[in-house]
Amino acid sequence: MGLFTFDPWVFFTIALMVIGINILWYAPFAFGRFWLQTQRNLSQSPPHTGKGVLLLLGTQLFALLVINALENGLGIRNFTEGVMLGLICGLGLVGSFTLNNAFFFGIPLKLWALDLAHQLWVIALAAGTLAVLH
């Protein structure tokens, strides 16, 4: 088995899961209103949605390819270990880099924490699912 194995059905399933998590997380009944209000306070124009969604999916699929390679290299094949790897990568990489940006660009820490929590859910659940399906 190579470091980057690719099963299109596995990644299609994960992509659908990521889309669902994104939709639910930022829905008005969850955190959508708070997120949108905070975003509007930062800039005059509303957040980009059309091209941003495509960029989001592309970058998240690329991240999942990297997680897949790590899981293959480390021999991770169960959900719990996949989730733990996702949380470690999420906190260690996404958290540290985005916290720097939050301070540098003056993003409120509540908004940073909300977005980081979202990314952690996506990465952890996708990594756990990838470990089981692959």
N, C-alpha and C. Protein backbone atom coordinates (compact mmCIF):
# COMPACT_ATOMS: atom_id res chain seq x y z
N MET A 1 0.85 -1.18 0.00
CA MET A 1 0.00 0.00 0.00
C MET A 1 0.89 1.25 0.00
N GLY A 2 0.64 2.14 -0.92
CA GLY A 2 1.44 3.35 -1.01
C GLY A 2 1.03 4.38 0.03
N LEU A 3 1.88 5.36 0.16
CA LEU A 3 1.61 6.42 1.13
C LEU A 3 0.35 7.18 0.78
N PHE A 4 0.15 7.45 -0.51
CA PHE A 4 -1.05 8.16 -0.96
C PHE A 4 -1.92 7.19 -1.75
N THR A 5 -2.74 6.44 -1.06
CA THR A 5 -3.71 5.61 -1.75
C THR A 5 -4.95 6.46 -1.97
N PHE A 6 -5.62 6.24 -3.07
CA PHE A 6 -6.76 7.10 -3.40
C PHE A 6 -7.92 6.24 -3.86
N ASP A 7 -8.97 6.24 -3.08
CA ASP A 7 -10.21 5.57 -3.44
C ASP A 7 -11.25 6.66 -3.62
N PRO A 8 -11.70 6.92 -4.86
CA PRO A 8 -12.60 8.04 -5.10
C PRO A 8 -13.89 7.96 -4.29
N TRP A 9 -14.40 6.76 -4.01
CA TRP A 9 -15.65 6.65 -3.24
C TRP A 9 -15.44 7.06 -1.79
N VAL A 10 -14.28 6.75 -1.24
CA VAL A 10 -13.98 7.16 0.13
C VAL A 10 -13.93 8.68 0.20
N PHE A 11 -13.24 9.30 -0.73
CA PHE A 11 -13.12 10.75 -0.69
C PHE A 11 -14.45 11.44 -1.04
N PHE A 12 -15.26 10.82 -1.87
CA PHE A 12 -16.59 11.35 -2.15
C PHE A 12 -17.44 11.33 -0.88
N THR A 13 -17.37 10.22 -0.15
CA THR A 13 -18.11 10.09 1.11
C THR A 13 -17.65 11.15 2.11
N ILE A 14 -16.34 11.31 2.23
CA ILE A 14 -15.79 12.31 3.16
C ILE A 14 -16.19 13.71 2.72
N ALA A 15 -16.16 13.98 1.42
CA ALA A 15 -16.55 15.31 0.92
C ALA A 15 -18.00 15.62 1.29
N LEU A 16 -18.88 14.63 1.14
CA LEU A 16 -20.28 14.83 1.53
C LEU A 16 -20.41 15.10 3.03
N MET A 17 -19.62 14.39 3.82
CA MET A 17 -19.63 14.60 5.26
C MET A 17 -19.15 16.00 5.61
N VAL A 18 -18.07 16.45 4.96
CA VAL A 18 -17.53 17.78 5.21
C VAL A 18 -18.55 18.86 4.83
N ILE A 19 -19.21 18.68 3.70
CA ILE A 19 -20.24 19.63 3.29
C ILE A 19 -21.35 19.68 4.35
N GLY A 20 -21.77 18.52 4.83
CA GLY A 20 -22.82 18.47 5.84
C GLY A 20 -22.41 19.15 7.13
N ILE A 21 -21.18 18.91 7.58
CA ILE A 21 -20.69 19.56 8.80
C ILE A 21 -20.65 21.07 8.61
N ASN A 22 -20.17 21.53 7.46
CA ASN A 22 -20.11 22.97 7.20
C ASN A 22 -21.50 23.58 7.22
N ILE A 23 -22.45 22.92 6.58
CA ILE A 23 -23.82 23.45 6.51
C ILE A 23 -24.42 23.52 7.90
N LEU A 24 -24.27 22.45 8.68
CA LEU A 24 -24.85 22.44 10.02
C LEU A 24 -24.18 23.43 10.95
N TRP A 25 -22.86 23.51 10.91
CA TRP A 25 -22.11 24.38 11.84
C TRP A 25 -22.50 25.85 11.65
N TYR A 26 -22.59 26.27 10.40
CA TYR A 26 -22.86 27.68 10.13
C TYR A 26 -24.33 27.96 9.82
N ALA A 27 -25.21 27.02 10.15
CA ALA A 27 -26.65 27.25 9.97
C ALA A 27 -27.13 28.27 11.00
N PRO A 28 -28.21 29.00 10.68
CA PRO A 28 -28.71 30.01 11.61
C PRO A 28 -29.06 29.45 13.00
N PHE A 29 -29.51 28.20 13.07
CA PHE A 29 -29.86 27.63 14.37
C PHE A 29 -28.63 27.19 15.17
N ALA A 30 -27.46 27.14 14.55
CA ALA A 30 -26.24 26.77 15.26
C ALA A 30 -25.42 28.04 15.51
N PHE A 31 -24.34 28.24 14.76
CA PHE A 31 -23.46 29.39 14.98
C PHE A 31 -23.49 30.40 13.85
N GLY A 32 -24.36 30.21 12.87
CA GLY A 32 -24.39 31.06 11.68
C GLY A 32 -24.63 32.53 11.95
N ARG A 33 -25.58 32.84 12.80
CA ARG A 33 -25.88 34.25 13.08
C ARG A 33 -24.71 34.95 13.75
N PHE A 34 -24.13 34.28 14.76
CA PHE A 34 -22.99 34.87 15.45
C PHE A 34 -21.82 35.08 14.49
N TRP A 35 -21.55 34.07 13.67
CA TRP A 35 -20.43 34.15 12.73
C TRP A 35 -20.64 35.28 11.73
N LEU A 36 -21.84 35.37 11.16
CA LEU A 36 -22.13 36.40 10.17
C LEU A 36 -22.06 37.79 10.79
N GLN A 37 -22.59 37.94 12.00
CA GLN A 37 -22.54 39.25 12.68
C GLN A 37 -21.09 39.65 12.94
N THR A 38 -20.28 38.74 13.39
CA THR A 38 -18.88 39.05 13.67
C THR A 38 -18.13 39.36 12.39
N GLN A 39 -18.40 38.62 11.31
CA GLN A 39 -17.76 38.88 10.03
C GLN A 39 -18.12 40.27 9.52
N ARG A 40 -19.36 40.66 9.64
CA ARG A 40 -19.79 41.98 9.16
C ARG A 40 -19.14 43.09 9.96
N ASN A 41 -18.85 42.84 11.22
CA ASN A 41 -18.17 43.83 12.03
C ASN A 41 -16.72 44.03 11.57
N LEU A 42 -16.15 43.05 10.91
CA LEU A 42 -14.76 43.13 10.47
C LEU A 42 -14.60 43.84 9.14
N SER A 43 -15.61 43.76 8.28
CA SER A 43 -15.48 44.38 6.97
C SER A 43 -16.83 44.91 6.51
N GLN A 44 -16.78 45.75 5.50
CA GLN A 44 -17.99 46.34 4.95
C GLN A 44 -18.73 45.39 4.03
N SER A 45 -18.02 44.48 3.40
CA SER A 45 -18.67 43.58 2.45
C SER A 45 -18.93 42.22 3.11
N PRO A 46 -20.03 41.57 2.74
CA PRO A 46 -20.32 40.25 3.32
C PRO A 46 -19.30 39.23 2.85
N PRO A 47 -19.18 38.12 3.57
CA PRO A 47 -18.21 37.10 3.18
C PRO A 47 -18.51 36.54 1.79
N HIS A 48 -17.45 36.16 1.09
CA HIS A 48 -17.60 35.56 -0.23
C HIS A 48 -18.12 34.14 -0.06
N THR A 49 -19.08 33.76 -0.91
CA THR A 49 -19.64 32.43 -0.74
C THR A 49 -19.40 31.53 -1.95
N GLY A 50 -19.58 32.00 -3.17
CA GLY A 50 -19.48 31.15 -4.36
C GLY A 50 -18.13 30.51 -4.54
N LYS A 51 -17.12 31.32 -4.81
CA LYS A 51 -15.77 30.80 -5.03
C LYS A 51 -15.17 30.28 -3.73
N GLY A 52 -15.58 30.87 -2.62
CA GLY A 52 -15.06 30.43 -1.33
C GLY A 52 -15.42 29.00 -1.00
N VAL A 53 -16.62 28.58 -1.38
CA VAL A 53 -17.04 27.20 -1.12
C VAL A 53 -16.18 26.23 -1.92
N LEU A 54 -15.90 26.56 -3.17
CA LEU A 54 -15.04 25.70 -3.98
C LEU A 54 -13.62 25.64 -3.42
N LEU A 55 -13.11 26.79 -3.00
CA LEU A 55 -11.78 26.82 -2.40
C LEU A 55 -11.76 26.01 -1.11
N LEU A 56 -12.79 26.16 -0.29
CA LEU A 56 -12.90 25.41 0.96
C LEU A 56 -12.86 23.92 0.70
N LEU A 57 -13.67 23.44 -0.24
CA LEU A 57 -13.70 22.01 -0.53
C LEU A 57 -12.37 21.52 -1.08
N GLY A 58 -11.77 22.30 -1.96
CA GLY A 58 -10.48 21.91 -2.53
C GLY A 58 -9.39 21.81 -1.48
N THR A 59 -9.32 22.80 -0.61
CA THR A 59 -8.27 22.78 0.41
C THR A 59 -8.53 21.69 1.44
N GLN A 60 -9.80 21.45 1.78
CA GLN A 60 -10.10 20.40 2.75
C GLN A 60 -9.82 19.02 2.16
N LEU A 61 -10.11 18.82 0.89
CA LEU A 61 -9.78 17.54 0.27
C LEU A 61 -8.27 17.32 0.22
N PHE A 62 -7.52 18.39 -0.05
CA PHE A 62 -6.06 18.27 -0.04
C PHE A 62 -5.57 17.91 1.37
N ALA A 63 -6.14 18.57 2.38
CA ALA A 63 -5.77 18.26 3.76
C ALA A 63 -6.07 16.80 4.09
N LEU A 64 -7.18 16.29 3.56
CA LEU A 64 -7.53 14.89 3.82
C LEU A 64 -6.56 13.93 3.13
N LEU A 65 -6.03 14.33 1.98
CA LEU A 65 -5.00 13.51 1.35
C LEU A 65 -3.76 13.44 2.23
N VAL A 66 -3.41 14.55 2.86
CA VAL A 66 -2.26 14.57 3.77
C VAL A 66 -2.55 13.71 5.00
N ILE A 67 -3.76 13.85 5.57
CA ILE A 67 -4.15 13.02 6.72
C ILE A 67 -4.11 11.55 6.32
N ASN A 68 -4.60 11.24 5.12
CA ASN A 68 -4.57 9.87 4.62
C ASN A 68 -3.14 9.34 4.57
N ALA A 69 -2.21 10.14 4.09
CA ALA A 69 -0.82 9.71 4.02
C ALA A 69 -0.25 9.49 5.42
N LEU A 70 -0.59 10.37 6.35
CA LEU A 70 -0.12 10.19 7.74
C LEU A 70 -0.70 8.92 8.35
N GLU A 71 -1.99 8.68 8.13
CA GLU A 71 -2.60 7.47 8.66
C GLU A 71 -1.96 6.22 8.06
N ASN A 72 -1.69 6.24 6.76
CA ASN A 72 -1.03 5.10 6.12
C ASN A 72 0.36 4.89 6.68
N GLY A 73 1.11 5.98 6.82
CA GLY A 73 2.47 5.89 7.33
C GLY A 73 2.54 5.42 8.78
N LEU A 74 1.55 5.82 9.57
CA LEU A 74 1.53 5.45 10.99
C LEU A 74 0.76 4.16 11.25
N GLY A 75 0.13 3.61 10.22
CA GLY A 75 -0.63 2.37 10.38
C GLY A 75 -1.94 2.55 11.14
N ILE A 76 -2.54 3.73 11.07
CA ILE A 76 -3.78 4.00 11.78
C ILE A 76 -4.95 3.44 10.98
N ARG A 77 -5.76 2.57 11.63
CA ARG A 77 -6.87 1.94 10.93
C ARG A 77 -8.16 1.91 11.75
N ASN A 78 -8.20 2.62 12.89
CA ASN A 78 -9.46 2.65 13.63
C ASN A 78 -9.89 4.10 13.87
N PHE A 79 -11.17 4.25 14.15
CA PHE A 79 -11.79 5.57 14.25
C PHE A 79 -11.16 6.43 15.35
N THR A 80 -10.94 5.85 16.52
CA THR A 80 -10.40 6.62 17.65
C THR A 80 -9.02 7.17 17.34
N GLU A 81 -8.15 6.33 16.81
CA GLU A 81 -6.80 6.80 16.47
C GLU A 81 -6.85 7.85 15.36
N GLY A 82 -7.75 7.68 14.40
CA GLY A 82 -7.90 8.68 13.35
C GLY A 82 -8.36 10.02 13.90
N VAL A 83 -9.34 9.99 14.81
CA VAL A 83 -9.82 11.22 15.45
C VAL A 83 -8.69 11.89 16.23
N MET A 84 -7.92 11.10 16.97
CA MET A 84 -6.81 11.67 17.75
C MET A 84 -5.77 12.32 16.82
N LEU A 85 -5.45 11.65 15.72
CA LEU A 85 -4.51 12.25 14.76
C LEU A 85 -5.09 13.55 14.21
N GLY A 86 -6.39 13.55 13.88
CA GLY A 86 -7.03 14.76 13.38
C GLY A 86 -6.98 15.90 14.38
N LEU A 87 -7.24 15.60 15.66
CA LEU A 87 -7.19 16.64 16.69
C LEU A 87 -5.77 17.18 16.89
N ILE A 88 -4.80 16.28 16.88
CA ILE A 88 -3.41 16.71 17.03
C ILE A 88 -3.00 17.61 15.87
N CYS A 89 -3.30 17.19 14.65
CA CYS A 89 -2.98 18.01 13.48
C CYS A 89 -3.76 19.33 13.51
N GLY A 90 -5.03 19.25 13.87
CA GLY A 90 -5.85 20.45 13.91
C GLY A 90 -5.36 21.47 14.92
N LEU A 91 -5.13 21.01 16.15
CA LEU A 91 -4.67 21.94 17.19
C LEU A 91 -3.24 22.42 16.91
N GLY A 92 -2.38 21.46 16.56
CA GLY A 92 -0.97 21.80 16.39
C GLY A 92 -0.68 22.65 15.17
N LEU A 93 -1.38 22.41 14.08
CA LEU A 93 -1.09 23.14 12.85
C LEU A 93 -2.11 24.24 12.58
N VAL A 94 -3.36 23.85 12.45
CA VAL A 94 -4.40 24.84 12.13
C VAL A 94 -4.52 25.85 13.27
N GLY A 95 -4.59 25.35 14.50
CA GLY A 95 -4.76 26.24 15.65
C GLY A 95 -3.64 27.25 15.80
N SER A 96 -2.41 26.77 15.72
CA SER A 96 -1.28 27.69 15.93
C SER A 96 -1.15 28.73 14.82
N PHE A 97 -1.32 28.30 13.58
CA PHE A 97 -1.19 29.26 12.48
C PHE A 97 -2.34 30.26 12.44
N THR A 98 -3.57 29.78 12.68
CA THR A 98 -4.70 30.70 12.62
C THR A 98 -4.73 31.64 13.82
N LEU A 99 -4.20 31.21 14.96
CA LEU A 99 -4.12 32.11 16.12
C LEU A 99 -3.19 33.28 15.82
N ASN A 100 -2.09 33.01 15.15
CA ASN A 100 -1.19 34.09 14.74
C ASN A 100 -1.92 35.08 13.84
N ASN A 101 -2.67 34.57 12.88
CA ASN A 101 -3.43 35.45 11.98
C ASN A 101 -4.49 36.24 12.74
N ALA A 102 -5.14 35.60 13.69
CA ALA A 102 -6.17 36.29 14.46
C ALA A 102 -5.59 37.49 15.19
N PHE A 103 -4.45 37.31 15.84
CA PHE A 103 -3.82 38.43 16.53
C PHE A 103 -3.34 39.49 15.55
N PHE A 104 -2.71 39.06 14.47
CA PHE A 104 -2.15 40.00 13.50
C PHE A 104 -3.22 40.85 12.82
N PHE A 105 -4.35 40.22 12.46
CA PHE A 105 -5.39 40.93 11.73
C PHE A 105 -6.52 41.45 12.62
N GLY A 106 -6.39 41.27 13.92
CA GLY A 106 -7.38 41.80 14.84
C GLY A 106 -8.71 41.05 14.81
N ILE A 107 -8.66 39.77 14.54
CA ILE A 107 -9.88 38.96 14.53
C ILE A 107 -10.24 38.66 15.99
N PRO A 108 -11.49 38.87 16.38
CA PRO A 108 -11.87 38.59 17.76
C PRO A 108 -11.60 37.13 18.14
N LEU A 109 -11.12 36.90 19.35
CA LEU A 109 -10.79 35.55 19.77
C LEU A 109 -12.01 34.62 19.78
N LYS A 110 -13.21 35.17 20.03
CA LYS A 110 -14.41 34.34 19.97
C LYS A 110 -14.64 33.82 18.56
N LEU A 111 -14.41 34.67 17.56
CA LEU A 111 -14.57 34.24 16.17
C LEU A 111 -13.50 33.22 15.81
N TRP A 112 -12.27 33.47 16.24
CA TRP A 112 -11.19 32.51 15.99
C TRP A 112 -11.52 31.16 16.61
N ALA A 113 -11.98 31.17 17.86
CA ALA A 113 -12.30 29.92 18.55
C ALA A 113 -13.44 29.17 17.86
N LEU A 114 -14.45 29.91 17.40
CA LEU A 114 -15.57 29.28 16.70
C LEU A 114 -15.08 28.62 15.41
N ASP A 115 -14.29 29.33 14.64
CA ASP A 115 -13.77 28.77 13.39
C ASP A 115 -12.83 27.60 13.65
N LEU A 116 -11.99 27.70 14.69
CA LEU A 116 -11.09 26.59 15.01
C LEU A 116 -11.88 25.37 15.46
N ALA A 117 -12.89 25.57 16.28
CA ALA A 117 -13.71 24.43 16.73
C ALA A 117 -14.35 23.75 15.52
N HIS A 118 -14.80 24.56 14.56
CA HIS A 118 -15.37 23.99 13.33
C HIS A 118 -14.33 23.16 12.58
N GLN A 119 -13.14 23.71 12.42
CA GLN A 119 -12.09 22.99 11.70
C GLN A 119 -11.72 21.70 12.44
N LEU A 120 -11.67 21.75 13.76
CA LEU A 120 -11.34 20.56 14.54
C LEU A 120 -12.38 19.45 14.34
N TRP A 121 -13.66 19.83 14.33
CA TRP A 121 -14.72 18.85 14.08
C TRP A 121 -14.54 18.22 12.71
N VAL A 122 -14.33 19.05 11.71
CA VAL A 122 -14.20 18.55 10.34
C VAL A 122 -12.99 17.62 10.23
N ILE A 123 -11.85 18.07 10.72
CA ILE A 123 -10.62 17.28 10.59
C ILE A 123 -10.73 15.99 11.39
N ALA A 124 -11.19 16.07 12.64
CA ALA A 124 -11.24 14.89 13.49
C ALA A 124 -12.22 13.84 12.96
N LEU A 125 -13.43 14.26 12.61
CA LEU A 125 -14.41 13.30 12.11
C LEU A 125 -13.99 12.72 10.76
N ALA A 126 -13.46 13.56 9.90
CA ALA A 126 -13.01 13.07 8.59
C ALA A 126 -11.83 12.12 8.75
N ALA A 127 -10.89 12.45 9.63
CA ALA A 127 -9.73 11.58 9.83
C ALA A 127 -10.14 10.25 10.44
N GLY A 128 -11.08 10.28 11.37
CA GLY A 128 -11.58 9.03 11.94
C GLY A 128 -12.29 8.18 10.90
N THR A 129 -13.11 8.80 10.10
CA THR A 129 -13.83 8.09 9.05
C THR A 129 -12.86 7.54 8.00
N LEU A 130 -11.89 8.36 7.63
CA LEU A 130 -10.88 7.89 6.66
C LEU A 130 -10.13 6.67 7.17
N ALA A 131 -9.79 6.68 8.46
CA ALA A 131 -9.05 5.56 9.02
C ALA A 131 -9.84 4.27 8.91
N VAL A 132 -11.14 4.35 9.16
CA VAL A 132 -11.99 3.17 9.11
C VAL A 132 -12.22 2.70 7.68
N LEU A 133 -12.48 3.65 6.77
CA LEU A 133 -12.81 3.29 5.40
C LEU A 133 -11.61 2.89 4.56
N HIS A 134 -10.45 3.31 4.96
CA HIS A 134 -9.28 3.01 4.14
C HIS A 134 -8.62 1.79 4.64
